[in-house]
Amino acid sequence: MRILMAAIAIALVIEGLLPFLSPAVFRSGLRSMLELDDRILRIIGFVAIALGVALLYLSRSME
């Protein structure tokens, strides 16, 4: 459970960096994503999930 909480904390820190450092770029990126087709957004989500699972697998196999 401690590792999960640490992972969520790191994700929140990373997610918060762009809006904190450059709100204009963050807004521009959000506007661009709003214009994307649902299919493209699903592909982006799937790729993010697959990369996350692969990284988790690799990190667990390195122990």
PDB file of N, CA and C in Angstrom:
ATOM      1  N   MET A   1       0.828  -1.196   0.000  1.00  0.00           N
ATOM      2  CA  MET A   1       0.000   0.000   0.000  1.00  0.00           C
ATOM      3  C   MET A   1       0.870   1.255   0.000  1.00  0.00           C
ATOM      4  N   ARG A   2       1.991   1.199   0.704  1.00  0.00           N
ATOM      5  CA  ARG A   2       2.884   2.353   0.765  1.00  0.00           C
ATOM      6  C   ARG A   2       3.438   2.693  -0.626  1.00  0.00           C
ATOM      7  N   ILE A   3       3.770   1.670  -1.394  1.00  0.00           N
ATOM      8  CA  ILE A   3       4.307   1.889  -2.734  1.00  0.00           C
ATOM      9  C   ILE A   3       3.243   2.498  -3.639  1.00  0.00           C
ATOM     10  N   LEU A   4       2.002   2.023  -3.518  1.00  0.00           N
ATOM     11  CA  LEU A   4       0.909   2.579  -4.319  1.00  0.00           C
ATOM     12  C   LEU A   4       0.704   4.055  -4.006  1.00  0.00           C
ATOM     13  N   MET A   5       0.714   4.402  -2.732  1.00  0.00           N
ATOM     14  CA  MET A   5       0.545   5.807  -2.352  1.00  0.00           C
ATOM     15  C   MET A   5       1.699   6.657  -2.877  1.00  0.00           C
ATOM     16  N   ALA A   6       2.911   6.133  -2.840  1.00  0.00           N
ATOM     17  CA  ALA A   6       4.064   6.864  -3.365  1.00  0.00           C
ATOM     18  C   ALA A   6       3.936   7.061  -4.873  1.00  0.00           C
ATOM     19  N   ALA A   7       3.468   6.032  -5.561  1.00  0.00           N
ATOM     20  CA  ALA A   7       3.295   6.131  -7.013  1.00  0.00           C
ATOM     21  C   ALA A   7       2.239   7.173  -7.369  1.00  0.00           C
ATOM     22  N   ILE A   8       1.139   7.187  -6.628  1.00  0.00           N
ATOM     23  CA  ILE A   8       0.091   8.183  -6.881  1.00  0.00           C
ATOM     24  C   ILE A   8       0.612   9.583  -6.583  1.00  0.00           C
ATOM     25  N   ALA A   9       1.388   9.721  -5.509  1.00  0.00           N
ATOM     26  CA  ALA A   9       1.955  11.022  -5.166  1.00  0.00           C
ATOM     27  C   ALA A   9       2.887  11.528  -6.269  1.00  0.00           C
ATOM     28  N   ILE A  10       3.727  10.647  -6.798  1.00  0.00           N
ATOM     29  CA  ILE A  10       4.637  11.029  -7.877  1.00  0.00           C
ATOM     30  C   ILE A  10       3.846  11.427  -9.117  1.00  0.00           C
ATOM     31  N   ALA A  11       2.802  10.667  -9.442  1.00  0.00           N
ATOM     32  CA  ALA A  11       1.969  10.994 -10.603  1.00  0.00           C
ATOM     33  C   ALA A  11       1.330  12.375 -10.434  1.00  0.00           C
ATOM     34  N   LEU A  12       0.838  12.678  -9.241  1.00  0.00           N
ATOM     35  CA  LEU A  12       0.225  13.991  -8.999  1.00  0.00           C
ATOM     36  C   LEU A  12       1.236  15.117  -9.134  1.00  0.00           C
ATOM     37  N   VAL A  13       2.445  14.901  -8.636  1.00  0.00           N
ATOM     38  CA  VAL A  13       3.489  15.920  -8.770  1.00  0.00           C
ATOM     39  C   VAL A  13       3.800  16.161 -10.245  1.00  0.00           C
ATOM     40  N   ILE A  14       3.968  15.091 -10.998  1.00  0.00           N
ATOM     41  CA  ILE A  14       4.281  15.225 -12.429  1.00  0.00           C
ATOM     42  C   ILE A  14       3.131  15.890 -13.167  1.00  0.00           C
ATOM     43  N   GLU A  15       1.895  15.476 -12.870  1.00  0.00           N
ATOM     44  CA  GLU A  15       0.720  16.061 -13.523  1.00  0.00           C
ATOM     45  C   GLU A  15       0.579  17.550 -13.207  1.00  0.00           C
ATOM     46  N   GLY A  16       1.009  17.956 -12.035  1.00  0.00           N
ATOM     47  CA  GLY A  16       0.870  19.351 -11.638  1.00  0.00           C
ATOM     48  C   GLY A  16       1.966  20.263 -12.136  1.00  0.00           C
ATOM     49  N   LEU A  17       3.055  19.713 -12.643  1.00  0.00           N
ATOM     50  CA  LEU A  17       4.179  20.545 -13.074  1.00  0.00           C
ATOM     51  C   LEU A  17       3.826  21.485 -14.231  1.00  0.00           C
ATOM     52  N   LEU A  18       3.227  20.977 -15.273  1.00  0.00           N
ATOM     53  CA  LEU A  18       2.944  21.814 -16.441  1.00  0.00           C
ATOM     54  C   LEU A  18       1.961  22.944 -16.134  1.00  0.00           C
ATOM     55  N   PRO A  19       0.825  22.678 -15.488  1.00  0.00           N
ATOM     56  CA  PRO A  19      -0.064  23.801 -15.190  1.00  0.00           C
ATOM     57  C   PRO A  19       0.573  24.830 -14.250  1.00  0.00           C
ATOM     58  N   PHE A  20       1.462  24.386 -13.371  1.00  0.00           N
ATOM     59  CA  PHE A  20       2.119  25.306 -12.453  1.00  0.00           C
ATOM     60  C   PHE A  20       3.171  26.149 -13.165  1.00  0.00           C
ATOM     61  N   LEU A  21       3.996  25.486 -13.997  1.00  0.00           N
ATOM     62  CA  LEU A  21       5.096  26.183 -14.647  1.00  0.00           C
ATOM     63  C   LEU A  21       4.669  26.986 -15.865  1.00  0.00           C
ATOM     64  N   SER A  22       3.690  26.490 -16.606  1.00  0.00           N
ATOM     65  CA  SER A  22       3.275  27.172 -17.831  1.00  0.00           C
ATOM     66  C   SER A  22       1.775  26.984 -18.077  1.00  0.00           C
ATOM     67  N   PRO A  23       0.948  27.768 -17.397  1.00  0.00           N
ATOM     68  CA  PRO A  23      -0.501  27.611 -17.553  1.00  0.00           C
ATOM     69  C   PRO A  23      -0.984  27.810 -18.991  1.00  0.00           C
ATOM     70  N   ALA A  24      -0.345  28.714 -19.734  1.00  0.00           N
ATOM     71  CA  ALA A  24      -0.773  28.966 -21.117  1.00  0.00           C
ATOM     72  C   ALA A  24      -0.557  27.738 -21.997  1.00  0.00           C
ATOM     73  N   VAL A  25       0.583  27.094 -21.854  1.00  0.00           N
ATOM     74  CA  VAL A  25       0.865  25.885 -22.640  1.00  0.00           C
ATOM     75  C   VAL A  25      -0.100  24.772 -22.237  1.00  0.00           C
ATOM     76  N   PHE A  26      -0.399  24.677 -20.941  1.00  0.00           N
ATOM     77  CA  PHE A  26      -1.350  23.676 -20.456  1.00  0.00           C
ATOM     78  C   PHE A  26      -2.726  23.892 -21.068  1.00  0.00           C
ATOM     79  N   ARG A  27      -3.199  25.141 -21.065  1.00  0.00           N
ATOM     80  CA  ARG A  27      -4.508  25.452 -21.664  1.00  0.00           C
ATOM     81  C   ARG A  27      -4.523  25.122 -23.147  1.00  0.00           C
ATOM     82  N   SER A  28      -3.451  25.472 -23.827  1.00  0.00           N
ATOM     83  CA  SER A  28      -3.364  25.193 -25.263  1.00  0.00           C
ATOM     84  C   SER A  28      -3.433  23.684 -25.528  1.00  0.00           C
ATOM     85  N   GLY A  29      -2.740  22.913 -24.705  1.00  0.00           N
ATOM     86  CA  GLY A  29      -2.774  21.460 -24.859  1.00  0.00           C
ATOM     87  C   GLY A  29      -4.161  20.894 -24.616  1.00  0.00           C
ATOM     88  N   LEU A  30      -4.856  21.429 -23.608  1.00  0.00           N
ATOM     89  CA  LEU A  30      -6.217  20.972 -23.342  1.00  0.00           C
ATOM     90  C   LEU A  30      -7.147  21.302 -24.506  1.00  0.00           C
ATOM     91  N   ARG A  31      -7.003  22.498 -25.059  1.00  0.00           N
ATOM     92  CA  ARG A  31      -7.834  22.860 -26.218  1.00  0.00           C
ATOM     93  C   ARG A  31      -7.588  21.912 -27.385  1.00  0.00           C
ATOM     94  N   SER A  32      -6.326  21.581 -27.607  1.00  0.00           N
ATOM     95  CA  SER A  32      -5.989  20.660 -28.697  1.00  0.00           C
ATOM     96  C   SER A  32      -6.606  19.284 -28.458  1.00  0.00           C
ATOM     97  N   MET A  33      -6.575  18.824 -27.220  1.00  0.00           N
ATOM     98  CA  MET A  33      -7.145  17.506 -26.912  1.00  0.00           C
ATOM     99  C   MET A  33      -8.656  17.502 -27.079  1.00  0.00           C
ATOM    100  N   LEU A  34      -9.310  18.617 -26.805  1.00  0.00           N
ATOM    101  CA  LEU A  34     -10.763  18.695 -26.970  1.00  0.00           C
ATOM    102  C   LEU A  34     -11.181  18.505 -28.426  1.00  0.00           C
ATOM    103  N   GLU A  35     -10.290  18.849 -29.341  1.00  0.00           N
ATOM    104  CA  GLU A  35     -10.603  18.749 -30.763  1.00  0.00           C
ATOM    105  C   GLU A  35     -10.309  17.362 -31.345  1.00  0.00           C
ATOM    106  N   LEU A  36      -9.635  16.505 -30.585  1.00  0.00           N
ATOM    107  CA  LEU A  36      -9.297  15.176 -31.087  1.00  0.00           C
ATOM    108  C   LEU A  36     -10.527  14.277 -31.123  1.00  0.00           C
ATOM    109  N   ASP A  37     -10.513  13.380 -32.069  1.00  0.00           N
ATOM    110  CA  ASP A  37     -11.570  12.377 -32.212  1.00  0.00           C
ATOM    111  C   ASP A  37     -11.517  11.391 -31.036  1.00  0.00           C
ATOM    112  N   ASP A  38     -12.662  10.852 -30.655  1.00  0.00           N
ATOM    113  CA  ASP A  38     -12.722   9.896 -29.548  1.00  0.00           C
ATOM    114  C   ASP A  38     -11.797   8.703 -29.779  1.00  0.00           C
ATOM    115  N   ARG A  39     -11.707   8.247 -31.005  1.00  0.00           N
ATOM    116  CA  ARG A  39     -10.862   7.101 -31.331  1.00  0.00           C
ATOM    117  C   ARG A  39      -9.399   7.398 -31.013  1.00  0.00           C
ATOM    118  N   ILE A  40      -8.945   8.580 -31.354  1.00  0.00           N
ATOM    119  CA  ILE A  40      -7.558   8.977 -31.093  1.00  0.00           C
ATOM    120  C   ILE A  40      -7.310   9.068 -29.584  1.00  0.00           C
ATOM    121  N   LEU A  41      -8.265   9.637 -28.856  1.00  0.00           N
ATOM    122  CA  LEU A  41      -8.114   9.731 -27.401  1.00  0.00           C
ATOM    123  C   LEU A  41      -8.046   8.348 -26.765  1.00  0.00           C
ATOM    124  N   ARG A  42      -8.839   7.424 -27.268  1.00  0.00           N
ATOM    125  CA  ARG A  42      -8.796   6.060 -26.742  1.00  0.00           C
ATOM    126  C   ARG A  42      -7.451   5.401 -27.025  1.00  0.00           C
ATOM    127  N   ILE A  43      -6.915   5.644 -28.205  1.00  0.00           N
ATOM    128  CA  ILE A  43      -5.596   5.094 -28.553  1.00  0.00           C
ATOM    129  C   ILE A  43      -4.529   5.673 -27.623  1.00  0.00           C
ATOM    130  N   ILE A  44      -4.582   6.975 -27.389  1.00  0.00           N
ATOM    131  CA  ILE A  44      -3.623   7.617 -26.479  1.00  0.00           C
ATOM    132  C   ILE A  44      -3.753   7.020 -25.080  1.00  0.00           C
ATOM    133  N   GLY A  45      -4.988   6.848 -24.603  1.00  0.00           N
ATOM    134  CA  GLY A  45      -5.210   6.241 -23.295  1.00  0.00           C
ATOM    135  C   GLY A  45      -4.688   4.825 -23.223  1.00  0.00           C
ATOM    136  N   PHE A  46      -4.942   4.046 -24.271  1.00  0.00           N
ATOM    137  CA  PHE A  46      -4.475   2.659 -24.299  1.00  0.00           C
ATOM    138  C   PHE A  46      -2.952   2.584 -24.274  1.00  0.00           C
ATOM    139  N   VAL A  47      -2.306   3.432 -25.050  1.00  0.00           N
ATOM    140  CA  VAL A  47      -0.835   3.448 -25.083  1.00  0.00           C
ATOM    141  C   VAL A  47      -0.282   3.823 -23.707  1.00  0.00           C
ATOM    142  N   ALA A  48      -0.902   4.808 -23.052  1.00  0.00           N
ATOM    143  CA  ALA A  48      -0.456   5.211 -21.715  1.00  0.00           C
ATOM    144  C   ALA A  48      -0.610   4.052 -20.728  1.00  0.00           C
ATOM    145  N   ILE A  49      -1.728   3.353 -20.791  1.00  0.00           N
ATOM    146  CA  ILE A  49      -1.958   2.206 -19.907  1.00  0.00           C
ATOM    147  C   ILE A  49      -0.933   1.111 -20.188  1.00  0.00           C
ATOM    148  N   ALA A  50      -0.716   0.806 -21.470  1.00  0.00           N
ATOM    149  CA  ALA A  50       0.230  -0.253 -21.837  1.00  0.00           C
ATOM    150  C   ALA A  50       1.644   0.089 -21.371  1.00  0.00           C
ATOM    151  N   LEU A  51       2.052   1.339 -21.543  1.00  0.00           N
ATOM    152  CA  LEU A  51       3.383   1.744 -21.080  1.00  0.00           C
ATOM    153  C   LEU A  51       3.481   1.653 -19.554  1.00  0.00           C
ATOM    154  N   GLY A  52       2.439   2.057 -18.873  1.00  0.00           N
ATOM    155  CA  GLY A  52       2.436   1.977 -17.419  1.00  0.00           C
ATOM    156  C   GLY A  52       2.544   0.544 -16.930  1.00  0.00           C
ATOM    157  N   VAL A  53       1.772  -0.337 -17.537  1.00  0.00           N
ATOM    158  CA  VAL A  53       1.824  -1.753 -17.144  1.00  0.00           C
ATOM    159  C   VAL A  53       3.198  -2.342 -17.451  1.00  0.00           C
ATOM    160  N   ALA A  54       3.760  -1.983 -18.599  1.00  0.00           N
ATOM    161  CA  ALA A  54       5.091  -2.488 -18.953  1.00  0.00           C
ATOM    162  C   ALA A  54       6.148  -1.992 -17.964  1.00  0.00           C
ATOM    163  N   LEU A  55       6.073  -0.735 -17.592  1.00  0.00           N
ATOM    164  CA  LEU A  55       7.026  -0.198 -16.614  1.00  0.00           C
ATOM    165  C   LEU A  55       6.865  -0.854 -15.251  1.00  0.00           C
ATOM    166  N   LEU A  56       5.624  -1.094 -14.843  1.00  0.00           N
ATOM    167  CA  LEU A  56       5.395  -1.806 -13.581  1.00  0.00           C
ATOM    168  C   LEU A  56       5.977  -3.210 -13.635  1.00  0.00           C
ATOM    169  N   TYR A  57       5.767  -3.904 -14.736  1.00  0.00           N
ATOM    170  CA  TYR A  57       6.287  -5.242 -14.892  1.00  0.00           C
ATOM    171  C   TYR A  57       7.817  -5.237 -14.825  1.00  0.00           C
ATOM    172  N   LEU A  58       8.420  -4.298 -15.561  1.00  0.00           N
ATOM    173  CA  LEU A  58       9.880  -4.214 -15.560  1.00  0.00           C
ATOM    174  C   LEU A  58      10.423  -3.878 -14.182  1.00  0.00           C
ATOM    175  N   SER A  59       9.778  -2.962 -13.490  1.00  0.00           N
ATOM    176  CA  SER A  59      10.267  -2.581 -12.170  1.00  0.00           C
ATOM    177  C   SER A  59      10.124  -3.725 -11.171  1.00  0.00           C
ATOM    178  N   ARG A  60       9.080  -4.526 -11.305  1.00  0.00           N
ATOM    179  CA  ARG A  60       8.896  -5.663 -10.405  1.00  0.00           C
ATOM    180  C   ARG A  60       9.888  -6.792 -10.727  1.00  0.00           C
ATOM    181  N   SER A  61      10.247  -6.930 -11.998  1.00  0.00           N
ATOM    182  CA  SER A  61      11.170  -7.996 -12.360  1.00  0.00           C
ATOM    183  C   SER A  61      12.622  -7.659 -12.007  1.00  0.00           C
ATOM    184  N   MET A  62      12.900  -6.410 -11.716  1.00  0.00           N
ATOM    185  CA  MET A  62      14.255  -5.986 -11.378  1.00  0.00           C
ATOM    186  C   MET A  62      14.585  -6.225  -9.906  1.00  0.00           C
ATOM    187  N   GLU A  63      13.594  -6.571  -9.114  1.00  0.00           N
ATOM    188  CA  GLU A  63      13.824  -6.784  -7.669  1.00  0.00           C
ATOM    189  C   GLU A  63      14.528  -8.074  -7.399  1.00  0.00           C
TER     190      GLU A  63
END
